[in-house]
Amino acid sequence: MAGDKVCDYFPQTEVVTFDQANPSAILAKINDLNKKVPQLLRASDSDLRDLLSLMECATNPGREDAVTETQLDALELLLSWPDEFLFPALDILRLCLRLDVPNKHFLGAACGPAQLSRLLALTSAPKAGAAAPMLALRALCNACSRDPGRRLMRERRSRVVEGALELVGSDNRNVQVALATLLLNYAVLHSEPSSSSSSFFSAIVASRNADDDDEATTQLLSAAVALLERRPDAEAAFRLLVCVATLLLRGGDVARRLSDALGVRAHAERCAGLPGAPAKLTECARSLLAFL
């Protein structure tokens, strides 16, 4: 069963989020950039206060219920800034998507598809700068933490992974870790049991789900190996191995055959023998080898 622990590291059963923040530094950058954007897009003093309050809600347990529409409107204003000025707004969005109200606001049926498309576009936007693609990936990771973002990410998995892989060649450690985390989160979502609302449709749903499962397993395993082939940062490699192992535990014979074809064992052997590698990377790699 996908939920049975094979070792301390896999299978992963909960999505991984990016939680760290420095609200004062984010607000300082917003103040600086606010002087450079077109006049019509500039945040007022009231908007800036709302943004600070929103970050306080997003970074302090127990304050989630204090999120207001005016705070979310202030963030929407910043998200309308040109790509080159967008990164502090993405940082706030990344934090907020871990909360119910902002997740529903930005990723619900009305706005979710457009917001998702914008985040994906930023992974390869020429004017977005170095930080925006990484922050867009982190926002996508955090979108998986609750519905409706979780549901939207699951529904758009093929497109999201395809778009995110535009960054597979990045040498930026933070981008590598964010991309690995996105794939790991998809492995978690993929391992969750699916259900149908009526037993009448159970046979049809089961057949369709089996085909979808195989396609998802193939895409996610192939993507994880593509990133492992780039010999990424140790933390990214660790998360990719956990992703692969989680997929193998759910994917059955299809996943096993694909892992053999993709050379998963060779990647695990390399990670297990890396000199100076973190203990969790080598231990996870050895556990994966034992499982294989």
C-alpha atoms as a PDB file:
ATOM      1  CA  MET A   1       0.000   0.000   0.000  1.00  0.00           C
ATOM      2  CA  ALA A   2       1.190   3.512  -0.821  1.00  0.00           C
ATOM      3  CA  GLY A   3       0.621   4.612   2.751  1.00  0.00           C
ATOM      4  CA  ASP A   4       2.832   1.937   4.356  1.00  0.00           C
ATOM      5  CA  LYS A   5       6.228   3.308   5.328  1.00  0.00           C
ATOM      6  CA  VAL A   6       9.073   1.399   3.667  1.00  0.00           C
ATOM      7  CA  CYS A   7      11.711   3.543   5.382  1.00  0.00           C
ATOM      8  CA  ASP A   8      11.954   6.876   7.177  1.00  0.00           C
ATOM      9  CA  TYR A   9      11.868   8.774   3.876  1.00  0.00           C
ATOM     10  CA  PHE A  10       9.228   7.178   1.674  1.00  0.00           C
ATOM     11  CA  PRO A  11       6.513   6.987   0.663  1.00  0.00           C
ATOM     12  CA  GLN A  12       5.764  10.658   1.149  1.00  0.00           C
ATOM     13  CA  THR A  13       2.149  11.107   2.268  1.00  0.00           C
ATOM     14  CA  GLU A  14       1.864  14.882   2.741  1.00  0.00           C
ATOM     15  CA  VAL A  15       2.694  17.700   0.365  1.00  0.00           C
ATOM     16  CA  VAL A  16       5.755  19.826   1.092  1.00  0.00           C
ATOM     17  CA  THR A  17       5.303  23.593   1.344  1.00  0.00           C
ATOM     18  CA  PHE A  18       7.629  26.591   1.369  1.00  0.00           C
ATOM     19  CA  ASP A  19       6.851  28.373   4.626  1.00  0.00           C
ATOM     20  CA  GLN A  20       9.778  30.646   5.498  1.00  0.00           C
ATOM     21  CA  ALA A  21       9.290  34.374   5.099  1.00  0.00           C
ATOM     22  CA  ASN A  22      10.692  37.770   6.021  1.00  0.00           C
ATOM     23  CA  PRO A  23       7.656  40.090   5.855  1.00  0.00           C
ATOM     24  CA  SER A  24       9.630  43.269   6.585  1.00  0.00           C
ATOM     25  CA  ALA A  25      12.079  42.548   3.758  1.00  0.00           C
ATOM     26  CA  ILE A  26       9.239  41.754   1.354  1.00  0.00           C
ATOM     27  CA  LEU A  27       7.442  44.985   2.246  1.00  0.00           C
ATOM     28  CA  ALA A  28      10.652  46.996   1.871  1.00  0.00           C
ATOM     29  CA  LYS A  29      11.110  45.633  -1.648  1.00  0.00           C
ATOM     30  CA  ILE A  30       7.476  46.432  -2.476  1.00  0.00           C
ATOM     31  CA  ASN A  31       7.984  50.015  -1.256  1.00  0.00           C
ATOM     32  CA  ASP A  32      11.029  50.331  -3.482  1.00  0.00           C
ATOM     33  CA  LEU A  33       9.368  48.887  -6.583  1.00  0.00           C
ATOM     34  CA  ASN A  34       6.167  50.829  -5.951  1.00  0.00           C
ATOM     35  CA  LYS A  35       8.016  53.978  -7.002  1.00  0.00           C
ATOM     36  CA  LYS A  36       8.979  52.420 -10.338  1.00  0.00           C
ATOM     37  CA  VAL A  37       5.706  50.973 -11.609  1.00  0.00           C
ATOM     38  CA  PRO A  38       3.223  53.069 -13.644  1.00  0.00           C
ATOM     39  CA  GLN A  39       1.213  55.511 -11.555  1.00  0.00           C
ATOM     40  CA  LEU A  40      -2.079  53.678 -12.079  1.00  0.00           C
ATOM     41  CA  LEU A  41      -0.610  50.474 -10.632  1.00  0.00           C
ATOM     42  CA  ARG A  42       0.972  51.970  -7.536  1.00  0.00           C
ATOM     43  CA  ALA A  43      -0.138  50.729  -4.142  1.00  0.00           C
ATOM     44  CA  SER A  44      -1.543  53.312  -1.747  1.00  0.00           C
ATOM     45  CA  ASP A  45      -0.518  53.576   1.883  1.00  0.00           C
ATOM     46  CA  SER A  46      -3.722  51.730   2.733  1.00  0.00           C
ATOM     47  CA  ASP A  47      -2.805  48.955   0.288  1.00  0.00           C
ATOM     48  CA  LEU A  48       0.621  48.615   1.878  1.00  0.00           C
ATOM     49  CA  ARG A  49      -0.913  48.309   5.334  1.00  0.00           C
ATOM     50  CA  ASP A  50      -3.268  45.645   4.026  1.00  0.00           C
ATOM     51  CA  LEU A  51      -0.360  43.729   2.513  1.00  0.00           C
ATOM     52  CA  LEU A  52       1.515  43.783   5.799  1.00  0.00           C
ATOM     53  CA  SER A  53      -1.592  42.541   7.612  1.00  0.00           C
ATOM     54  CA  LEU A  54      -2.020  39.809   5.016  1.00  0.00           C
ATOM     55  CA  MET A  55       1.544  38.613   5.537  1.00  0.00           C
ATOM     56  CA  GLU A  56       0.996  38.619   9.290  1.00  0.00           C
ATOM     57  CA  CYS A  57      -2.059  36.412   8.791  1.00  0.00           C
ATOM     58  CA  ALA A  58      -0.072  34.090   6.538  1.00  0.00           C
ATOM     59  CA  THR A  59       2.886  33.727   8.886  1.00  0.00           C
ATOM     60  CA  ASN A  60       1.203  33.559  12.286  1.00  0.00           C
ATOM     61  CA  PRO A  61      -0.734  30.425  13.263  1.00  0.00           C
ATOM     62  CA  GLY A  62      -4.230  31.216  14.427  1.00  0.00           C
ATOM     63  CA  ARG A  63      -4.616  34.402  12.377  1.00  0.00           C
ATOM     64  CA  GLU A  64      -5.865  32.768   9.186  1.00  0.00           C
ATOM     65  CA  ASP A  65      -9.465  33.812   9.850  1.00  0.00           C
ATOM     66  CA  ALA A  66      -8.396  37.468   9.886  1.00  0.00           C
ATOM     67  CA  VAL A  67      -7.788  37.560   6.116  1.00  0.00           C
ATOM     68  CA  THR A  68     -10.023  40.186   4.469  1.00  0.00           C
ATOM     69  CA  GLU A  69     -11.149  40.941   0.936  1.00  0.00           C
ATOM     70  CA  THR A  70      -9.376  44.306   0.996  1.00  0.00           C
ATOM     71  CA  GLN A  71      -6.100  42.538   1.787  1.00  0.00           C
ATOM     72  CA  LEU A  72      -6.608  40.163  -1.132  1.00  0.00           C
ATOM     73  CA  ASP A  73      -7.528  43.091  -3.398  1.00  0.00           C
ATOM     74  CA  ALA A  74      -4.232  44.766  -2.472  1.00  0.00           C
ATOM     75  CA  LEU A  75      -2.353  41.623  -3.442  1.00  0.00           C
ATOM     76  CA  GLU A  76      -4.278  41.428  -6.719  1.00  0.00           C
ATOM     77  CA  LEU A  77      -3.075  44.955  -7.492  1.00  0.00           C
ATOM     78  CA  LEU A  78       0.539  43.883  -7.033  1.00  0.00           C
ATOM     79  CA  LEU A  79      -0.019  40.765  -9.125  1.00  0.00           C
ATOM     80  CA  SER A  80      -0.990  43.079 -11.998  1.00  0.00           C
ATOM     81  CA  TRP A  81       2.465  44.678 -11.993  1.00  0.00           C
ATOM     82  CA  PRO A  82       4.778  44.091 -14.973  1.00  0.00           C
ATOM     83  CA  ASP A  83       6.780  40.859 -14.858  1.00  0.00           C
ATOM     84  CA  GLU A  84      10.053  42.527 -13.898  1.00  0.00           C
ATOM     85  CA  PHE A  85       8.487  43.943 -10.703  1.00  0.00           C
ATOM     86  CA  LEU A  86       6.377  40.954  -9.770  1.00  0.00           C
ATOM     87  CA  PHE A  87       8.594  38.857  -7.502  1.00  0.00           C
ATOM     88  CA  PRO A  88       7.624  40.299  -4.072  1.00  0.00           C
ATOM     89  CA  ALA A  89       3.940  39.826  -4.931  1.00  0.00           C
ATOM     90  CA  LEU A  90       4.689  36.214  -5.833  1.00  0.00           C
ATOM     91  CA  ASP A  91       6.350  35.785  -2.468  1.00  0.00           C
ATOM     92  CA  ILE A  92       3.186  36.947  -0.705  1.00  0.00           C
ATOM     93  CA  LEU A  93       1.010  34.785  -2.949  1.00  0.00           C
ATOM     94  CA  ARG A  94       3.208  31.797  -2.146  1.00  0.00           C
ATOM     95  CA  LEU A  95       2.598  32.313   1.574  1.00  0.00           C
ATOM     96  CA  CYS A  96      -1.130  32.952   1.196  1.00  0.00           C
ATOM     97  CA  LEU A  97      -1.928  29.871  -0.846  1.00  0.00           C
ATOM     98  CA  ARG A  98      -1.389  27.793   2.298  1.00  0.00           C
ATOM     99  CA  LEU A  99      -4.524  29.415   3.769  1.00  0.00           C
ATOM    100  CA  ASP A 100      -8.117  28.487   2.950  1.00  0.00           C
ATOM    101  CA  VAL A 101      -9.521  31.913   2.093  1.00  0.00           C
ATOM    102  CA  PRO A 102      -6.702  33.082  -0.236  1.00  0.00           C
ATOM    103  CA  ASN A 103      -6.478  29.639  -1.843  1.00  0.00           C
ATOM    104  CA  LYS A 104     -10.187  29.797  -2.697  1.00  0.00           C
ATOM    105  CA  HIS A 105      -9.886  33.423  -3.814  1.00  0.00           C
ATOM    106  CA  PHE A 106      -6.993  32.925  -6.221  1.00  0.00           C
ATOM    107  CA  LEU A 107      -7.440  29.283  -7.285  1.00  0.00           C
ATOM    108  CA  GLY A 108     -11.208  28.810  -7.257  1.00  0.00           C
ATOM    109  CA  ALA A 109     -13.258  28.132 -10.369  1.00  0.00           C
ATOM    110  CA  ALA A 110     -13.515  31.809 -11.351  1.00  0.00           C
ATOM    111  CA  CYS A 111      -9.829  32.781 -11.221  1.00  0.00           C
ATOM    112  CA  GLY A 112      -7.881  29.551 -10.766  1.00  0.00           C
ATOM    113  CA  PRO A 113      -7.183  28.567 -14.389  1.00  0.00           C
ATOM    114  CA  ALA A 114      -5.998  32.070 -15.299  1.00  0.00           C
ATOM    115  CA  GLN A 115      -3.849  32.327 -12.170  1.00  0.00           C
ATOM    116  CA  LEU A 116      -2.290  28.957 -12.905  1.00  0.00           C
ATOM    117  CA  SER A 117      -1.535  30.000 -16.479  1.00  0.00           C
ATOM    118  CA  ARG A 118       0.125  33.184 -15.225  1.00  0.00           C
ATOM    119  CA  LEU A 119       2.346  31.273 -12.807  1.00  0.00           C
ATOM    120  CA  LEU A 120       3.387  28.850 -15.527  1.00  0.00           C
ATOM    121  CA  ALA A 121       4.120  31.692 -17.930  1.00  0.00           C
ATOM    122  CA  LEU A 122       6.446  33.246 -15.354  1.00  0.00           C
ATOM    123  CA  THR A 123       8.666  30.166 -15.325  1.00  0.00           C
ATOM    124  CA  SER A 124       9.923  31.213 -18.754  1.00  0.00           C
ATOM    125  CA  ALA A 125       9.076  34.930 -18.978  1.00  0.00           C
ATOM    126  CA  PRO A 126      12.141  36.751 -20.369  1.00  0.00           C
ATOM    127  CA  LYS A 127      11.571  39.919 -18.297  1.00  0.00           C
ATOM    128  CA  ALA A 128      10.662  38.206 -15.029  1.00  0.00           C
ATOM    129  CA  GLY A 129      14.222  38.086 -13.697  1.00  0.00           C
ATOM    130  CA  ALA A 130      15.921  35.323 -11.739  1.00  0.00           C
ATOM    131  CA  ALA A 131      13.641  35.243  -8.692  1.00  0.00           C
ATOM    132  CA  ALA A 132      10.217  35.113 -10.343  1.00  0.00           C
ATOM    133  CA  PRO A 133      10.488  31.612 -11.884  1.00  0.00           C
ATOM    134  CA  MET A 134      11.589  30.139  -8.558  1.00  0.00           C
ATOM    135  CA  LEU A 135       8.829  31.949  -6.658  1.00  0.00           C
ATOM    136  CA  ALA A 136       6.251  30.862  -9.231  1.00  0.00           C
ATOM    137  CA  LEU A 137       7.326  27.247  -8.684  1.00  0.00           C
ATOM    138  CA  ARG A 138       7.085  27.686  -4.918  1.00  0.00           C
ATOM    139  CA  ALA A 139       3.589  29.117  -5.300  1.00  0.00           C
ATOM    140  CA  LEU A 140       2.613  26.084  -7.377  1.00  0.00           C
ATOM    141  CA  CYS A 141       3.977  23.814  -4.655  1.00  0.00           C
ATOM    142  CA  ASN A 142       1.969  25.606  -1.972  1.00  0.00           C
ATOM    143  CA  ALA A 143      -1.139  25.536  -4.148  1.00  0.00           C
ATOM    144  CA  CYS A 144      -1.196  21.772  -3.547  1.00  0.00           C
ATOM    145  CA  SER A 145      -1.709  22.230   0.193  1.00  0.00           C
ATOM    146  CA  ARG A 146      -5.494  22.622   0.158  1.00  0.00           C
ATOM    147  CA  ASP A 147      -8.566  22.782  -2.059  1.00  0.00           C
ATOM    148  CA  PRO A 148      -9.488  24.197  -4.459  1.00  0.00           C
ATOM    149  CA  GLY A 149      -5.837  24.668  -5.420  1.00  0.00           C
ATOM    150  CA  ARG A 150      -5.089  21.024  -4.731  1.00  0.00           C
ATOM    151  CA  ARG A 151      -7.903  19.934  -7.031  1.00  0.00           C
ATOM    152  CA  LEU A 152      -6.895  22.395  -9.753  1.00  0.00           C
ATOM    153  CA  MET A 153      -3.279  21.258  -9.625  1.00  0.00           C
ATOM    154  CA  ARG A 154      -4.381  17.649  -9.933  1.00  0.00           C
ATOM    155  CA  GLU A 155      -6.639  18.417 -12.897  1.00  0.00           C
ATOM    156  CA  ARG A 156      -3.933  20.412 -14.728  1.00  0.00           C
ATOM    157  CA  ARG A 157      -1.058  18.115 -13.812  1.00  0.00           C
ATOM    158  CA  SER A 158       0.059  17.344 -17.362  1.00  0.00           C
ATOM    159  CA  ARG A 159       0.220  21.002 -18.370  1.00  0.00           C
ATOM    160  CA  VAL A 160       1.842  22.142 -15.120  1.00  0.00           C
ATOM    161  CA  VAL A 161       4.615  19.548 -15.242  1.00  0.00           C
ATOM    162  CA  GLU A 162       5.254  20.206 -18.918  1.00  0.00           C
ATOM    163  CA  GLY A 163       5.523  23.932 -18.273  1.00  0.00           C
ATOM    164  CA  ALA A 164       7.670  23.578 -15.163  1.00  0.00           C
ATOM    165  CA  LEU A 165      10.131  21.375 -17.034  1.00  0.00           C
ATOM    166  CA  GLU A 166      11.140  24.430 -19.036  1.00  0.00           C
ATOM    167  CA  LEU A 167      13.406  25.030 -16.026  1.00  0.00           C
ATOM    168  CA  VAL A 168      14.947  21.561 -15.935  1.00  0.00           C
ATOM    169  CA  GLY A 169      18.284  22.913 -17.158  1.00  0.00           C
ATOM    170  CA  SER A 170      18.573  25.628 -14.501  1.00  0.00           C
ATOM    171  CA  ASP A 171      21.761  25.745 -12.435  1.00  0.00           C
ATOM    172  CA  ASN A 172      20.008  27.759  -9.719  1.00  0.00           C
ATOM    173  CA  ARG A 173      19.831  25.662  -6.548  1.00  0.00           C
ATOM    174  CA  ASN A 174      16.566  27.233  -5.404  1.00  0.00           C
ATOM    175  CA  VAL A 175      14.924  26.537  -8.753  1.00  0.00           C
ATOM    176  CA  GLN A 176      16.114  22.918  -8.643  1.00  0.00           C
ATOM    177  CA  VAL A 177      14.703  22.393  -5.146  1.00  0.00           C
ATOM    178  CA  ALA A 178      11.400  24.043  -6.058  1.00  0.00           C
ATOM    179  CA  LEU A 179      11.037  21.947  -9.205  1.00  0.00           C
ATOM    180  CA  ALA A 180      11.889  18.758  -7.309  1.00  0.00           C
ATOM    181  CA  THR A 181       9.337  19.704  -4.647  1.00  0.00           C
ATOM    182  CA  LEU A 182       6.642  20.249  -7.255  1.00  0.00           C
ATOM    183  CA  LEU A 183       7.251  16.758  -8.652  1.00  0.00           C
ATOM    184  CA  LEU A 184       7.273  15.304  -5.140  1.00  0.00           C
ATOM    185  CA  ASN A 185       3.956  16.974  -4.359  1.00  0.00           C
ATOM    186  CA  TYR A 186       2.494  15.547  -7.529  1.00  0.00           C
ATOM    187  CA  ALA A 187       3.662  12.105  -6.456  1.00  0.00           C
ATOM    188  CA  VAL A 188       1.753  12.638  -3.201  1.00  0.00           C
ATOM    189  CA  LEU A 189      -1.397  13.792  -5.008  1.00  0.00           C
ATOM    190  CA  HIS A 190      -1.091  10.891  -7.427  1.00  0.00           C
ATOM    191  CA  SER A 191      -0.864   8.424  -4.546  1.00  0.00           C
ATOM    192  CA  GLU A 192      -4.066   9.628  -2.922  1.00  0.00           C
ATOM    193  CA  PRO A 193      -7.026   7.282  -3.430  1.00  0.00           C
ATOM    194  CA  SER A 194      -9.627   8.452  -5.900  1.00  0.00           C
ATOM    195  CA  SER A 195     -13.302   7.939  -5.366  1.00  0.00           C
ATOM    196  CA  SER A 196     -16.465   8.109  -7.432  1.00  0.00           C
ATOM    197  CA  SER A 197     -19.698   9.613  -6.240  1.00  0.00           C
ATOM    198  CA  SER A 198     -21.835   6.672  -7.380  1.00  0.00           C
ATOM    199  CA  SER A 199     -21.218   2.941  -7.451  1.00  0.00           C
ATOM    200  CA  PHE A 200     -23.132   2.839 -10.758  1.00  0.00           C
ATOM    201  CA  PHE A 201     -20.152   4.410 -12.468  1.00  0.00           C
ATOM    202  CA  SER A 202     -17.474   2.578 -10.482  1.00  0.00           C
ATOM    203  CA  ALA A 203     -16.404   0.204 -13.271  1.00  0.00           C
ATOM    204  CA  ILE A 204     -16.121   2.997 -15.842  1.00  0.00           C
ATOM    205  CA  VAL A 205     -14.287   5.232 -13.393  1.00  0.00           C
ATOM    206  CA  ALA A 206     -11.897   2.437 -12.403  1.00  0.00           C
ATOM    207  CA  SER A 207     -10.939   1.788 -16.026  1.00  0.00           C
ATOM    208  CA  ARG A 208     -10.469   5.470 -16.755  1.00  0.00           C
ATOM    209  CA  ASN A 209      -8.484   5.997 -13.563  1.00  0.00           C
ATOM    210  CA  ALA A 210      -6.153   3.130 -14.451  1.00  0.00           C
ATOM    211  CA  ASP A 211      -5.300   4.785 -17.776  1.00  0.00           C
ATOM    212  CA  ASP A 212      -4.863   8.164 -16.085  1.00  0.00           C
ATOM    213  CA  ASP A 213      -2.681   6.591 -13.398  1.00  0.00           C
ATOM    214  CA  ASP A 214      -0.340   5.065 -15.961  1.00  0.00           C
ATOM    215  CA  GLU A 215      -0.056   8.320 -17.893  1.00  0.00           C
ATOM    216  CA  ALA A 216       0.611  10.326 -14.743  1.00  0.00           C
ATOM    217  CA  THR A 217       3.156   7.813 -13.463  1.00  0.00           C
ATOM    218  CA  THR A 218       4.973   7.913 -16.790  1.00  0.00           C
ATOM    219  CA  GLN A 219       5.090  11.708 -16.921  1.00  0.00           C
ATOM    220  CA  LEU A 220       6.158  12.173 -13.312  1.00  0.00           C
ATOM    221  CA  LEU A 221       8.806   9.443 -13.301  1.00  0.00           C
ATOM    222  CA  SER A 222      10.226  10.686 -16.593  1.00  0.00           C
ATOM    223  CA  ALA A 223      10.329  14.257 -15.284  1.00  0.00           C
ATOM    224  CA  ALA A 224      12.044  13.241 -12.034  1.00  0.00           C
ATOM    225  CA  VAL A 225      14.696  11.274 -13.896  1.00  0.00           C
ATOM    226  CA  ALA A 226      15.223  14.138 -16.351  1.00  0.00           C
ATOM    227  CA  LEU A 227      16.081  16.383 -13.410  1.00  0.00           C
ATOM    228  CA  LEU A 228      18.248  13.732 -11.744  1.00  0.00           C
ATOM    229  CA  GLU A 229      20.231  13.493 -14.973  1.00  0.00           C
ATOM    230  CA  ARG A 230      21.222  17.133 -14.473  1.00  0.00           C
ATOM    231  CA  ARG A 231      22.919  16.115 -11.186  1.00  0.00           C
ATOM    232  CA  PRO A 232      21.094  18.760  -9.157  1.00  0.00           C
ATOM    233  CA  ASP A 233      21.726  20.116  -5.680  1.00  0.00           C
ATOM    234  CA  ALA A 234      21.710  17.496  -2.907  1.00  0.00           C
ATOM    235  CA  GLU A 235      18.387  18.644  -1.442  1.00  0.00           C
ATOM    236  CA  ALA A 236      16.764  18.547  -4.868  1.00  0.00           C
ATOM    237  CA  ALA A 237      18.214  15.078  -5.488  1.00  0.00           C
ATOM    238  CA  PHE A 238      16.854  13.872  -2.142  1.00  0.00           C
ATOM    239  CA  ARG A 239      13.349  15.118  -2.911  1.00  0.00           C
ATOM    240  CA  LEU A 240      13.506  13.558  -6.363  1.00  0.00           C
ATOM    241  CA  LEU A 241      14.440  10.162  -4.933  1.00  0.00           C
ATOM    242  CA  VAL A 242      11.535  10.386  -2.487  1.00  0.00           C
ATOM    243  CA  CYS A 243       9.302  11.310  -5.425  1.00  0.00           C
ATOM    244  CA  VAL A 244      10.498   8.326  -7.448  1.00  0.00           C
ATOM    245  CA  ALA A 245      10.082   5.912  -4.540  1.00  0.00           C
ATOM    246  CA  THR A 246       6.585   7.203  -3.777  1.00  0.00           C
ATOM    247  CA  LEU A 247       5.582   6.726  -7.414  1.00  0.00           C
ATOM    248  CA  LEU A 248       7.049   3.224  -7.524  1.00  0.00           C
ATOM    249  CA  LEU A 249       5.087   2.181  -4.465  1.00  0.00           C
ATOM    250  CA  ARG A 250       1.842   3.328  -6.086  1.00  0.00           C
ATOM    251  CA  GLY A 251       2.550   2.515  -9.729  1.00  0.00           C
ATOM    252  CA  GLY A 252       2.889  -1.268  -9.714  1.00  0.00           C
ATOM    253  CA  ASP A 253       4.348  -3.098 -12.707  1.00  0.00           C
ATOM    254  CA  VAL A 254       4.064  -0.114 -15.038  1.00  0.00           C
ATOM    255  CA  ALA A 255       6.198   2.026 -12.743  1.00  0.00           C
ATOM    256  CA  ARG A 256       8.709  -0.780 -12.181  1.00  0.00           C
ATOM    257  CA  ARG A 257       9.223  -1.366 -15.888  1.00  0.00           C
ATOM    258  CA  LEU A 258       9.537   2.337 -16.564  1.00  0.00           C
ATOM    259  CA  SER A 259      12.040   2.807 -13.733  1.00  0.00           C
ATOM    260  CA  ASP A 260      14.180   0.053 -15.247  1.00  0.00           C
ATOM    261  CA  ALA A 261      14.005   1.681 -18.676  1.00  0.00           C
ATOM    262  CA  LEU A 262      14.871   5.115 -17.276  1.00  0.00           C
ATOM    263  CA  GLY A 263      17.853   3.880 -15.278  1.00  0.00           C
ATOM    264  CA  VAL A 264      16.545   4.784 -11.836  1.00  0.00           C
ATOM    265  CA  ARG A 265      18.899   2.282 -10.199  1.00  0.00           C
ATOM    266  CA  ALA A 266      21.959   4.011 -11.665  1.00  0.00           C
ATOM    267  CA  HIS A 267      20.828   7.375 -10.305  1.00  0.00           C
ATOM    268  CA  ALA A 268      20.195   5.881  -6.866  1.00  0.00           C
ATOM    269  CA  GLU A 269      23.616   4.218  -6.890  1.00  0.00           C
ATOM    270  CA  ARG A 270      25.287   7.515  -7.767  1.00  0.00           C
ATOM    271  CA  CYS A 271      23.470   9.346  -4.966  1.00  0.00           C
ATOM    272  CA  ALA A 272      24.267   6.577  -2.482  1.00  0.00           C
ATOM    273  CA  GLY A 273      27.971   6.946  -3.184  1.00  0.00           C
ATOM    274  CA  LEU A 274      28.317  10.717  -3.382  1.00  0.00           C
ATOM    275  CA  PRO A 275      31.260  11.834  -1.222  1.00  0.00           C
ATOM    276  CA  GLY A 276      30.266  14.435   1.342  1.00  0.00           C
ATOM    277  CA  ALA A 277      26.550  14.106   0.583  1.00  0.00           C
ATOM    278  CA  PRO A 278      24.028  14.711   3.380  1.00  0.00           C
ATOM    279  CA  ALA A 279      23.205  11.567   5.327  1.00  0.00           C
ATOM    280  CA  LYS A 280      19.536  11.688   4.382  1.00  0.00           C
ATOM    281  CA  LEU A 281      20.402  11.612   0.671  1.00  0.00           C
ATOM    282  CA  THR A 282      22.670   8.575   0.910  1.00  0.00           C
ATOM    283  CA  GLU A 283      20.301   6.767   3.290  1.00  0.00           C
ATOM    284  CA  CYS A 284      17.301   7.433   1.053  1.00  0.00           C
ATOM    285  CA  ALA A 285      19.242   6.269  -2.001  1.00  0.00           C
ATOM    286  CA  ARG A 286      20.266   3.038  -0.260  1.00  0.00           C
ATOM    287  CA  SER A 287      16.701   2.402   0.871  1.00  0.00           C
ATOM    288  CA  LEU A 288      15.499   2.920  -2.693  1.00  0.00           C
ATOM    289  CA  LEU A 289      18.126   0.485  -3.972  1.00  0.00           C
ATOM    290  CA  ALA A 290      16.990  -2.094  -1.433  1.00  0.00           C
ATOM    291  CA  PHE A 291      13.401  -1.610  -2.570  1.00  0.00           C
ATOM    292  CA  LEU A 292      14.351  -1.948  -6.233  1.00  0.00           C
END
